[in-house]
Protein backbone atom coordinates (compact mmCIF):
# COMPACT_ATOMS: atom_id res chain seq x y z
CA UNK A 1 -20.68 -9.77 -27.72
CA UNK A 2 -18.89 -8.85 -24.54
CA UNK A 3 -19.76 -10.82 -21.41
CA UNK A 4 -20.00 -8.75 -18.28
CA UNK A 5 -18.16 -11.05 -15.91
CA UNK A 6 -18.20 -8.44 -13.19
CA UNK A 7 -22.00 -8.39 -13.26
CA UNK A 8 -22.24 -12.15 -12.87
CA UNK A 9 -19.58 -12.14 -10.14
CA UNK A 10 -21.52 -9.49 -8.23
CA UNK A 11 -24.71 -11.51 -8.59
CA UNK A 12 -22.94 -14.64 -7.35
CA UNK A 13 -21.54 -12.79 -4.35
CA UNK A 14 -24.98 -11.35 -3.56
CA UNK A 15 -26.52 -14.84 -3.80
CA UNK A 16 -23.89 -16.31 -1.50
CA UNK A 17 -24.29 -13.48 1.01
CA UNK A 18 -28.07 -13.87 0.91
CA UNK A 19 -28.10 -17.68 1.09
CA UNK A 20 -25.11 -18.31 3.38
CA UNK A 21 -26.86 -17.37 6.67
CA UNK A 22 -29.75 -19.71 5.87
CA UNK A 23 -27.34 -22.49 4.91
CA UNK A 24 -25.32 -22.06 8.10
CA UNK A 25 -28.52 -21.93 10.13
CA UNK A 26 -29.82 -25.09 8.44
CA UNK A 27 -26.56 -26.96 9.13
CA UNK A 28 -26.60 -25.83 12.77
CA UNK A 29 -30.25 -26.82 13.20
CA UNK A 30 -29.59 -30.22 11.62
CA UNK A 31 -26.69 -31.13 13.90
CA UNK A 32 -28.24 -29.67 17.04
CA UNK A 33 -31.54 -31.36 16.15
CA UNK A 34 -29.85 -34.75 15.77
CA UNK A 35 -28.14 -34.30 19.13
CA UNK A 36 -31.45 -33.32 20.74
CA UNK A 37 -33.27 -36.28 19.15
CA UNK A 38 -30.76 -38.71 20.68
CA UNK A 39 -31.27 -37.14 24.11
CA UNK A 40 -35.04 -37.11 23.76
CA UNK A 41 -34.99 -40.76 22.64
CA UNK A 42 -33.12 -41.75 25.80
CA UNK A 43 -35.56 -39.77 27.96
CA UNK A 44 -38.51 -41.31 26.10
CA UNK A 45 -37.15 -44.83 26.63
CA UNK A 46 -36.63 -44.10 30.33
CA UNK A 47 -40.17 -42.68 30.62
CA UNK A 48 -41.67 -45.74 28.92
CA UNK A 49 -39.77 -48.02 31.30
CA UNK A 50 -40.99 -45.99 34.29
CA UNK A 51 -44.55 -46.19 32.96
CA UNK A 52 -44.14 -49.99 32.94
CA UNK A 53 -44.84 -50.24 29.23
CA UNK A 54 -44.24 -53.75 27.87
CA UNK A 55 -40.51 -54.27 27.35
CA UNK A 56 -41.34 -55.68 23.92
CA UNK A 57 -43.00 -52.43 22.85
CA UNK A 58 -40.36 -50.00 24.18
CA UNK A 59 -37.80 -50.46 21.34
CA UNK A 60 -40.59 -50.29 18.76
CA UNK A 61 -42.17 -47.10 20.15
CA UNK A 62 -38.80 -45.45 20.73
CA UNK A 63 -37.68 -46.23 17.18
CA UNK A 64 -40.98 -45.00 15.75
CA UNK A 65 -40.87 -41.68 17.66
CA UNK A 66 -37.21 -41.17 16.69
CA UNK A 67 -38.10 -41.63 13.03
CA UNK A 68 -40.96 -39.14 13.30
CA UNK A 69 -38.71 -36.56 14.99
CA UNK A 70 -36.11 -36.96 12.24
CA UNK A 71 -38.76 -36.40 9.57
CA UNK A 72 -39.86 -33.21 11.36
CA UNK A 73 -36.21 -32.10 11.63
CA UNK A 74 -35.62 -32.57 7.89
CA UNK A 75 -38.78 -30.60 7.10
CA UNK A 76 -37.57 -27.78 9.37
CA UNK A 77 -34.16 -27.71 7.68
CA UNK A 78 -35.82 -27.57 4.26
CA UNK A 79 -37.94 -24.64 5.43
CA UNK A 80 -34.88 -22.75 6.71
CA UNK A 81 -33.19 -23.17 3.32
CA UNK A 82 -36.10 -21.26 1.81
CA UNK A 83 -37.65 -24.11 -0.11
CA UNK A 84 -41.41 -23.57 -0.20
CA UNK A 85 -43.18 -26.35 1.66
CA UNK A 86 -46.14 -26.29 -0.76
CA UNK A 87 -43.82 -27.03 -3.67
CA UNK A 88 -42.00 -29.65 -1.63
CA UNK A 89 -45.25 -31.31 -0.62
CA UNK A 90 -46.29 -31.39 -4.27
CA UNK A 91 -43.03 -33.11 -5.22
CA UNK A 92 -43.37 -35.53 -2.32
CA UNK A 93 -46.94 -36.31 -3.31
CA UNK A 94 -45.82 -37.03 -6.86
CA UNK A 95 -43.01 -39.26 -5.57
CA UNK A 96 -45.04 -41.00 -2.89
CA UNK A 97 -46.72 -43.40 -5.29
CA UNK A 98 -43.45 -44.58 -6.81
CA UNK A 99 -41.75 -44.74 -3.42
CA UNK A 100 -44.74 -46.55 -1.95
CA UNK A 101 -44.61 -49.15 -4.69
CA UNK A 102 -40.90 -49.71 -4.17
CA UNK A 103 -41.32 -49.90 -0.39
CA UNK A 104 -44.28 -52.25 -0.28
CA UNK A 105 -42.13 -54.76 1.58
CA UNK A 106 -41.02 -52.17 4.15
CA UNK A 107 -44.58 -50.98 4.74
CA UNK A 108 -45.65 -54.60 5.15
CA UNK A 109 -42.84 -55.13 7.66
CA UNK A 110 -44.02 -52.05 9.58
CA UNK A 111 -47.59 -53.37 9.73
CA UNK A 112 -46.25 -56.78 10.73
CA UNK A 113 -44.28 -55.16 13.56
CA UNK A 114 -47.49 -53.69 14.95
CA UNK A 115 -49.17 -57.11 14.75
CA UNK A 116 -46.24 -58.70 16.61
CA UNK A 117 -46.51 -56.16 19.42
CA UNK A 118 -50.28 -56.60 19.60
CA UNK A 119 -50.52 -60.40 19.50
CA UNK A 120 -47.14 -61.06 21.20
CA UNK A 121 -46.10 -64.38 19.59
CA UNK A 122 -42.78 -63.88 21.39
CA UNK A 123 -41.14 -61.52 23.87
CA UNK A 124 -37.66 -60.18 24.49
CA UNK A 125 -35.29 -62.82 25.81
CA UNK A 126 -37.28 -65.79 24.53
CA UNK A 127 -35.82 -68.58 22.38
CA UNK A 128 -37.66 -68.94 19.09
CA UNK A 129 -37.37 -70.37 15.61
CA UNK A 130 -38.54 -67.93 12.94
CA UNK A 131 -38.35 -68.46 9.19
CA UNK A 132 -35.94 -71.34 9.76
CA UNK A 133 -33.66 -69.27 12.02
CA UNK A 134 -33.15 -70.15 15.70
CA UNK A 135 -32.07 -67.73 18.40
CA UNK A 136 -32.94 -65.51 21.35
CA UNK A 137 -35.04 -62.37 20.80
CA UNK A 138 -32.81 -59.36 21.41
CA UNK A 139 -34.97 -56.57 20.01
CA UNK A 140 -38.26 -55.98 18.18
CA UNK A 141 -37.89 -53.01 15.83
CA UNK A 142 -40.23 -51.17 13.49
CA UNK A 143 -39.31 -53.19 10.42
CA UNK A 144 -37.45 -56.23 11.75
CA UNK A 145 -36.76 -58.52 14.68
CA UNK A 146 -33.22 -59.13 15.97
CA UNK A 147 -32.19 -62.67 16.99
CA UNK A 148 -28.94 -63.79 18.64
CA UNK A 149 -28.03 -67.40 17.81
CA UNK A 150 -26.37 -69.83 20.26
CA UNK A 151 -23.18 -69.17 18.25
CA UNK A 152 -23.53 -65.42 19.05
CA UNK A 153 -24.48 -64.46 15.51
CA UNK A 154 -26.87 -61.57 14.98
CA UNK A 155 -29.82 -62.32 12.69
CA UNK A 156 -32.03 -59.54 11.32
CA UNK A 157 -35.38 -60.95 10.19
CA UNK A 158 -37.99 -58.75 8.43
CA UNK A 159 -41.21 -58.67 10.45
CA UNK A 160 -43.16 -59.61 7.32
CA UNK A 161 -41.33 -62.94 7.22
CA UNK A 162 -42.25 -63.50 10.87
CA UNK A 163 -46.01 -63.12 10.49
CA UNK A 164 -46.11 -65.04 7.20
CA UNK A 165 -44.33 -68.14 8.50
CA UNK A 166 -44.44 -70.57 11.39
CA UNK A 167 -43.09 -69.32 14.73
CA UNK A 168 -41.80 -71.92 17.17
CA UNK A 169 -41.57 -70.44 20.67
CA UNK A 170 -39.36 -72.58 22.92
CA UNK A 171 -39.70 -70.33 25.98
CA UNK A 172 -43.41 -69.67 26.24
CA UNK A 173 -44.16 -72.69 28.48
CA UNK A 174 -41.20 -72.00 30.76
CA UNK A 175 -39.40 -75.27 30.08
CA UNK A 176 -38.18 -77.37 27.17
CA UNK A 177 -37.43 -81.04 26.65
CA UNK A 178 -33.81 -82.03 26.14
CA UNK A 179 -33.72 -85.01 23.75
CA UNK A 180 -30.81 -87.40 24.35
CA UNK A 181 -30.10 -90.79 22.81
CA UNK A 182 -28.22 -93.65 24.49
CA UNK A 183 -27.26 -96.99 22.92
CA UNK A 184 -27.74 -100.24 24.87
CA UNK A 185 -26.76 -103.73 23.65
CA UNK A 186 -29.43 -106.41 23.44
CA UNK A 187 -27.63 -108.46 26.12
CA UNK A 188 -28.09 -105.77 28.78
CA UNK A 189 -31.09 -105.46 31.09
CA UNK A 190 -33.24 -102.48 30.19
CA UNK A 191 -34.62 -101.92 33.75
CA UNK A 192 -31.03 -101.86 35.06
CA UNK A 193 -29.77 -99.41 32.43
CA UNK A 194 -32.86 -97.24 32.85
CA UNK A 195 -32.27 -96.91 36.60
CA UNK A 196 -28.59 -96.16 36.04
CA UNK A 197 -29.52 -93.32 33.67
CA UNK A 198 -32.22 -91.92 35.97
CA UNK A 199 -29.82 -91.88 38.90
CA UNK A 200 -27.17 -90.19 36.76
CA UNK A 201 -29.30 -87.28 35.54
CA UNK A 202 -31.58 -86.57 38.50
CA UNK A 203 -29.06 -84.29 40.24
CA UNK A 204 -27.75 -82.52 37.14
CA UNK A 205 -27.97 -78.73 37.72
CA UNK A 206 -30.77 -77.31 35.63
CA UNK A 207 -32.78 -80.52 35.25
CA UNK A 208 -36.32 -79.79 36.44
CA UNK A 209 -38.02 -82.14 38.93
CA UNK A 210 -41.27 -81.76 37.00
CA UNK A 211 -41.97 -82.92 34.39
CA UNK A 212 -40.08 -86.02 35.43
CA UNK A 213 -37.17 -87.39 33.41
CA UNK A 214 -38.34 -89.95 30.84
CA UNK A 215 -36.31 -92.99 29.74
CA UNK A 216 -37.70 -95.43 27.21
CA UNK A 217 -36.84 -97.68 24.29
CA UNK A 218 -36.96 -95.53 21.20
CA UNK A 219 -36.05 -98.01 18.46
CA UNK A 220 -33.97 -101.07 17.58
CA UNK A 221 -31.06 -101.27 15.17
CA UNK A 222 -28.87 -104.18 14.07
CA UNK A 223 -26.46 -104.00 17.03
CA UNK A 224 -28.06 -101.85 19.75
CA UNK A 225 -31.28 -100.81 21.36
CA UNK A 226 -31.56 -97.03 21.16
CA UNK A 227 -32.93 -95.42 24.31
CA UNK A 228 -34.61 -92.02 24.45
CA UNK A 229 -33.61 -89.98 27.51
CA UNK A 230 -35.71 -86.87 28.04
CA UNK A 231 -34.96 -84.52 30.92
CA UNK A 232 -36.61 -81.09 31.05
CA UNK A 233 -34.89 -77.75 31.59
CA UNK A 234 -35.43 -74.04 31.25
CA UNK A 235 -34.59 -72.82 27.73
CA UNK A 236 -31.52 -70.86 28.86
CA UNK A 237 -30.10 -74.01 30.47
CA UNK A 238 -30.63 -76.27 27.46
CA UNK A 239 -27.03 -76.71 26.32
CA UNK A 240 -25.55 -76.91 29.81
CA UNK A 241 -28.07 -79.60 30.77
CA UNK A 242 -27.49 -81.55 27.56
CA UNK A 243 -23.71 -81.64 27.89
CA UNK A 244 -23.74 -82.40 31.61
CA UNK A 245 -26.33 -85.19 31.23
CA UNK A 246 -24.30 -86.84 28.48
CA UNK A 247 -21.17 -86.67 30.60
CA UNK A 248 -22.82 -88.13 33.71
CA UNK A 249 -24.60 -90.88 31.77
CA UNK A 250 -21.34 -91.94 30.19
CA UNK A 251 -19.62 -92.02 33.58
CA UNK A 252 -22.50 -93.95 35.19
CA UNK A 253 -22.52 -96.58 32.45
CA UNK A 254 -18.81 -97.04 32.93
CA UNK A 255 -19.16 -97.37 36.71
CA UNK A 256 -21.87 -100.04 36.36
CA UNK A 257 -19.91 -101.94 33.70
CA UNK A 258 -22.61 -101.61 31.08
CA UNK A 259 -21.25 -103.06 27.83
CA UNK A 260 -21.66 -101.76 24.32
CA UNK A 261 -22.09 -103.61 21.02
CA UNK A 262 -19.83 -102.71 18.12
CA UNK A 263 -20.40 -103.35 14.46
CA UNK A 264 -16.82 -104.16 13.44
CA UNK A 265 -16.01 -107.66 14.64
CA UNK A 266 -16.48 -107.05 18.38
CA UNK A 267 -19.61 -108.28 20.11
CA UNK A 268 -19.23 -106.72 23.56
CA UNK A 269 -16.76 -104.23 24.98
CA UNK A 270 -16.26 -102.27 28.17
CA UNK A 271 -16.98 -98.53 28.24
CA UNK A 272 -13.85 -96.56 29.05
CA UNK A 273 -13.59 -93.65 31.43
């Protein structure tokens, strides 16, 4: 049996000639559509900012609208390629159950994102602890929340984890307590050391005048009395206040010749500079 290669070649050429314009059109629409979506997303974000929409909701809404526009773009490209939408919708309907089952977590994260925007357990720029992770809120997205740690690491936490767990918001009240610990030997006068510490930290940049700085005896160990020193600061100033307070307390104790107890064969010793 002879195979008519010329016939098949002619059919292939006809198919390419017939399909090529649609393919080229689909490619052009896809790339132009993506470019347009990026521009529209920027305009949408700007419009939401001008409308004074909550800054927490802007990234979420912008991301959601971008996703919807991309879905519409893909459907348009499929239509240009000549694929019947009724057949495509039938396939999608058949696949939706399986996809939905595999994406239960993602759908839950989406619903959780809406709950976060509605109830506002945190806002952009706030310091929080979520699912054991600590950092500043950089962005609230459709499926996840972005945190930046003090070490400048980027954490991506699924929104479902956020609403299921405990959220500790360090910024909501506007200030946070900085917990410091200072050792004092039993031979020293507590009122004297307390005043030295209060004088040392009262002028530290970032320490708030109210609530007032607290200094008290926290506990006793075998060689020292452990004092709790608790200044208050805004969350963004936490580390600066902590380091500066420690430095000034150490310098003040040295200036006032407050002695320390050591565990290895030395009862009292001077504090160096």
